[in-house]
Amino acid sequence: ATLLRVFSRAKAAREHFSKMLSGQAYVTNNAEKQVT
């Protein structure tokens, strides 16, 4: 249970790693995007 919890949490965090520079676990940083 502990291994699965850590690994699944880490997998999700890794998928959003480029959005994590501010130190939060999940950051969308939409303000940095300019979509028209």
All heavy atoms as atom14 arrays in JSON, in Angstrom:
{
  "sequence": "ATLLRVFSRAKAAREHFSKMLSGQAYVTNNAEKQVT",
  "atom14_mask": [
    [1, 1, 1, 1, 1, 0, 0, 0, 0, 0, 0, 0, 0, 0],
    [1, 1, 1, 1, 1, 1, 1, 0, 0, 0, 0, 0, 0, 0],
    [1, 1, 1, 1, 1, 1, 1, 1, 0, 0, 0, 0, 0, 0],
    [1, 1, 1, 1, 1, 1, 1, 1, 0, 0, 0, 0, 0, 0],
    [1, 1, 1, 1, 1, 1, 1, 1, 1, 1, 1, 0, 0, 0],
    [1, 1, 1, 1, 1, 1, 1, 0, 0, 0, 0, 0, 0, 0],
    [1, 1, 1, 1, 1, 1, 1, 1, 1, 1, 1, 0, 0, 0],
    [1, 1, 1, 1, 1, 1, 0, 0, 0, 0, 0, 0, 0, 0],
    [1, 1, 1, 1, 1, 1, 1, 1, 1, 1, 1, 0, 0, 0],
    [1, 1, 1, 1, 1, 0, 0, 0, 0, 0, 0, 0, 0, 0],
    [1, 1, 1, 1, 1, 1, 1, 1, 1, 0, 0, 0, 0, 0],
    [1, 1, 1, 1, 1, 0, 0, 0, 0, 0, 0, 0, 0, 0],
    [1, 1, 1, 1, 1, 0, 0, 0, 0, 0, 0, 0, 0, 0],
    [1, 1, 1, 1, 1, 1, 1, 1, 1, 1, 1, 0, 0, 0],
    [1, 1, 1, 1, 1, 1, 1, 1, 1, 0, 0, 0, 0, 0],
    [1, 1, 1, 1, 1, 1, 1, 1, 1, 1, 0, 0, 0, 0],
    [1, 1, 1, 1, 1, 1, 1, 1, 1, 1, 1, 0, 0, 0],
    [1, 1, 1, 1, 1, 1, 0, 0, 0, 0, 0, 0, 0, 0],
    [1, 1, 1, 1, 1, 1, 1, 1, 1, 0, 0, 0, 0, 0],
    [1, 1, 1, 1, 1, 1, 1, 1, 0, 0, 0, 0, 0, 0],
    [1, 1, 1, 1, 1, 1, 1, 1, 0, 0, 0, 0, 0, 0],
    [1, 1, 1, 1, 1, 1, 0, 0, 0, 0, 0, 0, 0, 0],
    [1, 1, 1, 1, 0, 0, 0, 0, 0, 0, 0, 0, 0, 0],
    [1, 1, 1, 1, 1, 1, 1, 1, 1, 0, 0, 0, 0, 0],
    [1, 1, 1, 1, 1, 0, 0, 0, 0, 0, 0, 0, 0, 0],
    [1, 1, 1, 1, 1, 1, 1, 1, 1, 1, 1, 1, 0, 0],
    [1, 1, 1, 1, 1, 1, 1, 0, 0, 0, 0, 0, 0, 0],
    [1, 1, 1, 1, 1, 1, 1, 0, 0, 0, 0, 0, 0, 0],
    [1, 1, 1, 1, 1, 1, 1, 1, 0, 0, 0, 0, 0, 0],
    [1, 1, 1, 1, 1, 1, 1, 1, 0, 0, 0, 0, 0, 0],
    [1, 1, 1, 1, 1, 0, 0, 0, 0, 0, 0, 0, 0, 0],
    [1, 1, 1, 1, 1, 1, 1, 1, 1, 0, 0, 0, 0, 0],
    [1, 1, 1, 1, 1, 1, 1, 1, 1, 0, 0, 0, 0, 0],
    [1, 1, 1, 1, 1, 1, 1, 1, 1, 0, 0, 0, 0, 0],
    [1, 1, 1, 1, 1, 1, 1, 0, 0, 0, 0, 0, 0, 0],
    [1, 1, 1, 1, 1, 1, 1, 0, 0, 0, 0, 0, 0, 0]
  ],
  "atom14_positions": [
    [[0.83, -1.21, 0.0], [0.0, 0.0, 0.0], [0.86, 1.26, 0.0], [0.6, 2.21, -0.75], [-0.93, 0.0, 1.21], [0.0, 0.0, 0.0], [0.0, 0.0, 0.0], [0.0, 0.0, 0.0], [0.0, 0.0, 0.0], [0.0, 0.0, 0.0], [0.0, 0.0, 0.0], [0.0, 0.0, 0.0], [0.0, 0.0, 0.0], [0.0, 0.0, 0.0]],
    [[1.92, 1.26, 0.82], [2.8, 2.43, 0.86], [3.53, 2.61, -0.45], [3.64, 3.73, -0.98], [3.82, 2.29, 2.01], [3.11, 2.31, 3.26], [4.85, 3.4, 1.99], [0.0, 0.0, 0.0], [0.0, 0.0, 0.0], [0.0, 0.0, 0.0], [0.0, 0.0, 0.0], [0.0, 0.0, 0.0], [0.0, 0.0, 0.0], [0.0, 0.0, 0.0]],
    [[4.04, 1.52, -1.02], [4.74, 1.62, -2.29], [3.83, 2.16, -3.39], [4.2, 3.06, -4.15], [5.29, 0.26, -2.7], [6.45, -0.3, -1.86], [6.8, -1.7, -2.33], [7.67, 0.61, -1.93], [0.0, 0.0, 0.0], [0.0, 0.0, 0.0], [0.0, 0.0, 0.0], [0.0, 0.0, 0.0], [0.0, 0.0, 0.0], [0.0, 0.0, 0.0]],
    [[2.6, 1.63, -3.46], [1.68, 2.07, -4.51], [1.3, 3.53, -4.32], [1.2, 4.3, -5.28], [0.43, 1.19, -4.51], [-0.57, 1.44, -5.64], [0.09, 1.25, -7.0], [-1.77, 0.51, -5.5], [0.0, 0.0, 0.0], [0.0, 0.0, 0.0], [0.0, 0.0, 0.0], [0.0, 0.0, 0.0], [0.0, 0.0, 0.0], [0.0, 0.0, 0.0]],
    [[1.11, 3.94, -3.06], [0.75, 5.33, -2.79], [1.86, 6.28, -3.24], [1.62, 7.26, -3.93], [0.45, 5.53, -1.31], [0.05, 6.97, -0.97], [-0.37, 7.13, 0.48], [0.73, 6.91, 1.4], [0.83, 5.89, 2.22], [-0.09, 4.94, 2.21], [1.85, 5.75, 3.04], [0.0, 0.0, 0.0], [0.0, 0.0, 0.0], [0.0, 0.0, 0.0]],
    [[3.09, 5.94, -2.88], [4.22, 6.81, -3.23], [4.43, 6.82, -4.74], [4.62, 7.88, -5.35], [5.49, 6.35, -2.5], [6.71, 7.13, -3.02], [5.35, 6.57, -1.0], [0.0, 0.0, 0.0], [0.0, 0.0, 0.0], [0.0, 0.0, 0.0], [0.0, 0.0, 0.0], [0.0, 0.0, 0.0], [0.0, 0.0, 0.0], [0.0, 0.0, 0.0]],
    [[4.4, 5.64, -5.35], [4.69, 5.57, -6.78], [3.6, 6.25, -7.61], [3.9, 6.93, -8.6], [4.84, 4.11, -7.22], [6.04, 3.41, -6.63], [6.19, 2.04, -6.73], [7.03, 4.12, -5.97], [7.29, 1.39, -6.19], [8.13, 3.49, -5.42], [8.26, 2.12, -5.52], [0.0, 0.0, 0.0], [0.0, 0.0, 0.0], [0.0, 0.0, 0.0]],
    [[2.33, 6.07, -7.26], [1.26, 6.69, -8.03], [1.29, 8.2, -7.86], [1.06, 8.96, -8.81], [-0.11, 6.13, -7.64], [-0.37, 6.34, -6.26], [0.0, 0.0, 0.0], [0.0, 0.0, 0.0], [0.0, 0.0, 0.0], [0.0, 0.0, 0.0], [0.0, 0.0, 0.0], [0.0, 0.0, 0.0], [0.0, 0.0, 0.0], [0.0, 0.0, 0.0]],
    [[1.57, 8.66, -6.64], [1.67, 10.11, -6.4], [2.86, 10.69, -7.18], [2.77, 11.75, -7.79], [1.83, 10.37, -4.91], [1.8, 11.85, -4.53], [1.71, 12.0, -3.03], [2.88, 11.44, -2.36], [2.89, 11.02, -1.1], [1.79, 11.07, -0.37], [3.99, 10.55, -0.55], [0.0, 0.0, 0.0], [0.0, 0.0, 0.0], [0.0, 0.0, 0.0]],
    [[3.97, 9.96, -7.19], [5.15, 10.44, -7.9], [4.93, 10.45, -9.4], [5.35, 11.37, -10.1], [6.35, 9.56, -7.55], [0.0, 0.0, 0.0], [0.0, 0.0, 0.0], [0.0, 0.0, 0.0], [0.0, 0.0, 0.0], [0.0, 0.0, 0.0], [0.0, 0.0, 0.0], [0.0, 0.0, 0.0], [0.0, 0.0, 0.0], [0.0, 0.0, 0.0]],
    [[4.25, 9.43, -9.92], [3.97, 9.38, -11.36], [3.15, 10.59, -11.79], [3.46, 11.26, -12.79], [3.22, 8.1, -11.72], [2.88, 7.98, -13.21], [2.13, 6.68, -13.48], [1.87, 6.5, -14.97], [0.94, 7.54, -15.49], [0.0, 0.0, 0.0], [0.0, 0.0, 0.0], [0.0, 0.0, 0.0], [0.0, 0.0, 0.0], [0.0, 0.0, 0.0]],
    [[2.12, 10.9, -11.01], [1.29, 12.06, -11.35], [2.08, 13.35, -11.25], [1.98, 14.22, -12.11], [0.08, 12.11, -10.42], [0.0, 0.0, 0.0], [0.0, 0.0, 0.0], [0.0, 0.0, 0.0], [0.0, 0.0, 0.0], [0.0, 0.0, 0.0], [0.0, 0.0, 0.0], [0.0, 0.0, 0.0], [0.0, 0.0, 0.0], [0.0, 0.0, 0.0]],
    [[2.89, 13.46, -10.21], [3.7, 14.67, -10.05], [4.68, 14.82, -11.19], [4.89, 15.92, -11.71], [4.43, 14.63, -8.71], [0.0, 0.0, 0.0], [0.0, 0.0, 0.0], [0.0, 0.0, 0.0], [0.0, 0.0, 0.0], [0.0, 0.0, 0.0], [0.0, 0.0, 0.0], [0.0, 0.0, 0.0], [0.0, 0.0, 0.0], [0.0, 0.0, 0.0]],
    [[5.27, 13.71, -11.63], [6.24, 13.77, -12.73], [5.58, 14.23, -14.02], [6.16, 14.98, -14.8], [6.88, 12.39, -12.93], [7.85, 12.33, -14.1], [9.0, 13.31, -13.92], [9.89, 13.35, -15.07], [9.7, 14.09, -16.16], [8.63, 14.87, -16.24], [10.56, 14.07, -17.14], [0.0, 0.0, 0.0], [0.0, 0.0, 0.0], [0.0, 0.0, 0.0]],
    [[4.33, 13.81, -14.23], [3.64, 14.21, -15.44], [3.4, 15.72, -15.49], [3.25, 16.31, -16.54], [2.31, 13.45, -15.56], [2.51, 11.97, -15.89], [1.24, 11.16, -15.71], [0.23, 11.73, -15.26], [1.27, 9.95, -16.02], [0.0, 0.0, 0.0], [0.0, 0.0, 0.0], [0.0, 0.0, 0.0], [0.0, 0.0, 0.0], [0.0, 0.0, 0.0]],
    [[3.39, 16.33, -14.31], [3.18, 17.78, -14.24], [4.42, 18.5, -13.77], [4.36, 19.63, -13.31], [2.0, 18.09, -13.31], [0.72, 17.48, -13.76], [0.0, 17.96, -14.83], [0.05, 16.4, -13.31], [-1.07, 17.2, -15.0], [-1.06, 16.26, -14.1], [0.0, 0.0, 0.0], [0.0, 0.0, 0.0], [0.0, 0.0, 0.0], [0.0, 0.0, 0.0]],
    [[5.59, 17.86, -13.92], [6.81, 18.41, -13.32], [7.16, 19.77, -13.88], [7.66, 20.64, -13.18], [7.97, 17.43, -13.55], [9.17, 17.74, -12.69], [9.15, 17.4, -11.35], [10.27, 18.38, -13.2], [10.24, 17.68, -10.54], [11.37, 18.67, -12.4], [11.35, 18.32, -11.06], [0.0, 0.0, 0.0], [0.0, 0.0, 0.0], [0.0, 0.0, 0.0]],
    [[6.87, 19.97, -15.16], [7.21, 21.26, -15.75], [6.38, 22.38, -15.16], [6.71, 23.55, -15.33], [7.0, 21.22, -17.27], [5.63, 21.01, -17.57], [0.0, 0.0, 0.0], [0.0, 0.0, 0.0], [0.0, 0.0, 0.0], [0.0, 0.0, 0.0], [0.0, 0.0, 0.0], [0.0, 0.0, 0.0], [0.0, 0.0, 0.0], [0.0, 0.0, 0.0]],
    [[5.3, 22.04, -14.45], [4.44, 23.05, -13.85], [4.7, 23.22, -12.36], [3.95, 23.85, -11.65], [2.98, 22.66, -14.06], [2.61, 22.51, -15.51], [1.2, 21.97, -15.63], [0.81, 21.79, -17.09], [-0.53, 21.22, -17.22], [0.0, 0.0, 0.0], [0.0, 0.0, 0.0], [0.0, 0.0, 0.0], [0.0, 0.0, 0.0], [0.0, 0.0, 0.0]],
    [[5.76, 22.61, -11.87], [5.97, 22.55, -10.43], [7.05, 23.49, -9.91], [7.43, 23.42, -8.75], [6.33, 21.12, -10.01], [5.18, 20.15, -10.18], [5.71, 18.46, -9.97], [6.35, 18.51, -8.31], [0.0, 0.0, 0.0], [0.0, 0.0, 0.0], [0.0, 0.0, 0.0], [0.0, 0.0, 0.0], [0.0, 0.0, 0.0], [0.0, 0.0, 0.0]],
    [[7.55, 24.4, -10.72], [8.7, 25.19, -10.31], [8.4, 26.06, -9.1], [9.29, 26.4, -8.33], [9.19, 26.06, -11.48], [10.56, 26.68, -11.3], [11.62, 25.61, -11.06], [10.93, 27.52, -12.5], [0.0, 0.0, 0.0], [0.0, 0.0, 0.0], [0.0, 0.0, 0.0], [0.0, 0.0, 0.0], [0.0, 0.0, 0.0], [0.0, 0.0, 0.0]],
    [[7.13, 26.42, -8.92], [6.81, 27.26, -7.78], [6.77, 26.46, -6.48], [6.5, 27.03, -5.42], [5.46, 27.94, -7.99], [4.43, 26.99, -7.98], [0.0, 0.0, 0.0], [0.0, 0.0, 0.0], [0.0, 0.0, 0.0], [0.0, 0.0, 0.0], [0.0, 0.0, 0.0], [0.0, 0.0, 0.0], [0.0, 0.0, 0.0], [0.0, 0.0, 0.0]],
    [[6.98, 25.16, -6.55], [7.06, 24.34, -5.34], [5.75, 23.7, -4.95], [5.67, 23.0, -3.95], [0.0, 0.0, 0.0], [0.0, 0.0, 0.0], [0.0, 0.0, 0.0], [0.0, 0.0, 0.0], [0.0, 0.0, 0.0], [0.0, 0.0, 0.0], [0.0, 0.0, 0.0], [0.0, 0.0, 0.0], [0.0, 0.0, 0.0], [0.0, 0.0, 0.0]],
    [[4.68, 23.92, -5.73], [3.4, 23.31, -5.41], [3.3, 22.0, -6.16], [3.91, 21.8, -7.21], [2.26, 24.24, -5.82], [2.26, 25.53, -5.0], [1.47, 26.61, -5.68], [1.47, 26.72, -6.89], [0.81, 27.43, -4.89], [0.0, 0.0, 0.0], [0.0, 0.0, 0.0], [0.0, 0.0, 0.0], [0.0, 0.0, 0.0], [0.0, 0.0, 0.0]],
    [[2.5, 21.08, -5.63], [2.43, 19.75, -6.22], [1.71, 19.75, -7.55], [1.98, 18.93, -8.4], [1.72, 18.8, -5.25], [0.0, 0.0, 0.0], [0.0, 0.0, 0.0], [0.0, 0.0, 0.0], [0.0, 0.0, 0.0], [0.0, 0.0, 0.0], [0.0, 0.0, 0.0], [0.0, 0.0, 0.0], [0.0, 0.0, 0.0], [0.0, 0.0, 0.0]],
    [[0.79, 20.65, -7.74], [0.08, 20.69, -9.02], [-0.21, 22.14, -9.34], [-0.97, 22.8, -8.66], [-1.23, 19.91, -8.97], [-1.93, 19.91, -10.3], [-1.64, 18.93, -11.24], [-2.8, 20.93, -10.65], [-2.23, 18.94, -12.48], [-3.39, 20.95, -11.89], [-3.12, 19.95, -12.8], [-3.7, 19.97, -14.03], [0.0, 0.0, 0.0], [0.0, 0.0, 0.0]],
    [[0.4, 22.65, -10.37], [0.26, 24.05, -10.73], [-0.04, 24.15, -12.21], [0.71, 23.65, -13.04], [1.54, 24.86, -10.41], [1.33, 26.32, -10.78], [1.86, 24.78, -8.93], [0.0, 0.0, 0.0], [0.0, 0.0, 0.0], [0.0, 0.0, 0.0], [0.0, 0.0, 0.0], [0.0, 0.0, 0.0], [0.0, 0.0, 0.0], [0.0, 0.0, 0.0]],
    [[-1.14, 24.79, -12.56], [-1.47, 24.87, -13.96], [-0.71, 25.95, -14.69], [-0.48, 25.85, -15.88], [-2.97, 25.15, -14.14], [-3.26, 26.41, -13.53], [-3.8, 24.07, -13.49], [0.0, 0.0, 0.0], [0.0, 0.0, 0.0], [0.0, 0.0, 0.0], [0.0, 0.0, 0.0], [0.0, 0.0, 0.0], [0.0, 0.0, 0.0], [0.0, 0.0, 0.0]],
    [[-0.38, 27.03, -13.98], [0.37, 28.14, -14.61], [-0.29, 28.63, -15.88], [0.35, 29.01, -16.84], [1.81, 27.72, -14.93], [2.67, 27.75, -13.69], [2.34, 28.41, -12.71], [3.78, 27.06, -13.73], [0.0, 0.0, 0.0], [0.0, 0.0, 0.0], [0.0, 0.0, 0.0], [0.0, 0.0, 0.0], [0.0, 0.0, 0.0], [0.0, 0.0, 0.0]],
    [[-1.64, 28.6, -15.9], [-2.31, 29.06, -17.11], [-1.98, 30.51, -17.44], [-2.06, 30.93, -18.59], [-3.83, 28.92, -16.97], [-4.29, 27.52, -17.3], [-3.65, 26.83, -18.07], [-5.39, 27.09, -16.72], [0.0, 0.0, 0.0], [0.0, 0.0, 0.0], [0.0, 0.0, 0.0], [0.0, 0.0, 0.0], [0.0, 0.0, 0.0], [0.0, 0.0, 0.0]],
    [[-1.62, 31.3, -16.4], [-1.31, 32.7, -16.66], [-0.13, 32.84, -17.6], [0.04, 33.85, -18.27], [-1.02, 33.41, -15.34], [0.0, 0.0, 0.0], [0.0, 0.0, 0.0], [0.0, 0.0, 0.0], [0.0, 0.0, 0.0], [0.0, 0.0, 0.0], [0.0, 0.0, 0.0], [0.0, 0.0, 0.0], [0.0, 0.0, 0.0], [0.0, 0.0, 0.0]],
    [[0.72, 31.79, -17.66], [1.89, 31.86, -18.54], [1.52, 31.52, -19.98], [2.3, 31.76, -20.89], [2.97, 30.91, -18.04], [3.53, 31.28, -16.68], [4.51, 30.25, -16.19], [5.06, 29.51, -17.02], [4.72, 30.17, -14.98], [0.0, 0.0, 0.0], [0.0, 0.0, 0.0], [0.0, 0.0, 0.0], [0.0, 0.0, 0.0], [0.0, 0.0, 0.0]],
    [[0.36, 30.92, -20.19], [-0.04, 30.53, -21.53], [-0.78, 31.69, -22.19], [-1.51, 32.42, -21.55], [-0.96, 29.3, -21.49], [-0.35, 28.07, -20.83], [-1.39, 26.97, -20.76], [-0.89, 25.75, -20.0], [-1.95, 24.75, -19.83], [0.0, 0.0, 0.0], [0.0, 0.0, 0.0], [0.0, 0.0, 0.0], [0.0, 0.0, 0.0], [0.0, 0.0, 0.0]],
    [[-0.6, 31.84, -23.46], [-1.36, 32.81, -24.23], [-2.04, 32.05, -25.36], [-1.41, 31.71, -26.35], [-0.46, 33.92, -24.76], [0.12, 34.81, -23.67], [-0.94, 35.54, -22.89], [-1.97, 35.95, -23.44], [-0.72, 35.7, -21.59], [0.0, 0.0, 0.0], [0.0, 0.0, 0.0], [0.0, 0.0, 0.0], [0.0, 0.0, 0.0], [0.0, 0.0, 0.0]],
    [[-3.31, 31.74, -25.15], [-4.06, 30.96, -26.14], [-5.15, 31.83, -26.73], [-5.9, 32.48, -26.0], [-4.66, 29.7, -25.5], [-5.46, 28.91, -26.53], [-3.56, 28.82, -24.91], [0.0, 0.0, 0.0], [0.0, 0.0, 0.0], [0.0, 0.0, 0.0], [0.0, 0.0, 0.0], [0.0, 0.0, 0.0], [0.0, 0.0, 0.0], [0.0, 0.0, 0.0]],
    [[-5.22, 31.86, -28.04], [-6.22, 32.66, -28.75], [-7.01, 31.76, -29.68], [-6.44, 30.93, -30.39], [-5.53, 33.77, -29.56], [-4.84, 34.64, -28.66], [-6.55, 34.59, -30.35], [0.0, 0.0, 0.0], [0.0, 0.0, 0.0], [0.0, 0.0, 0.0], [0.0, 0.0, 0.0], [0.0, 0.0, 0.0], [0.0, 0.0, 0.0], [0.0, 0.0, 0.0]]
  ]
}
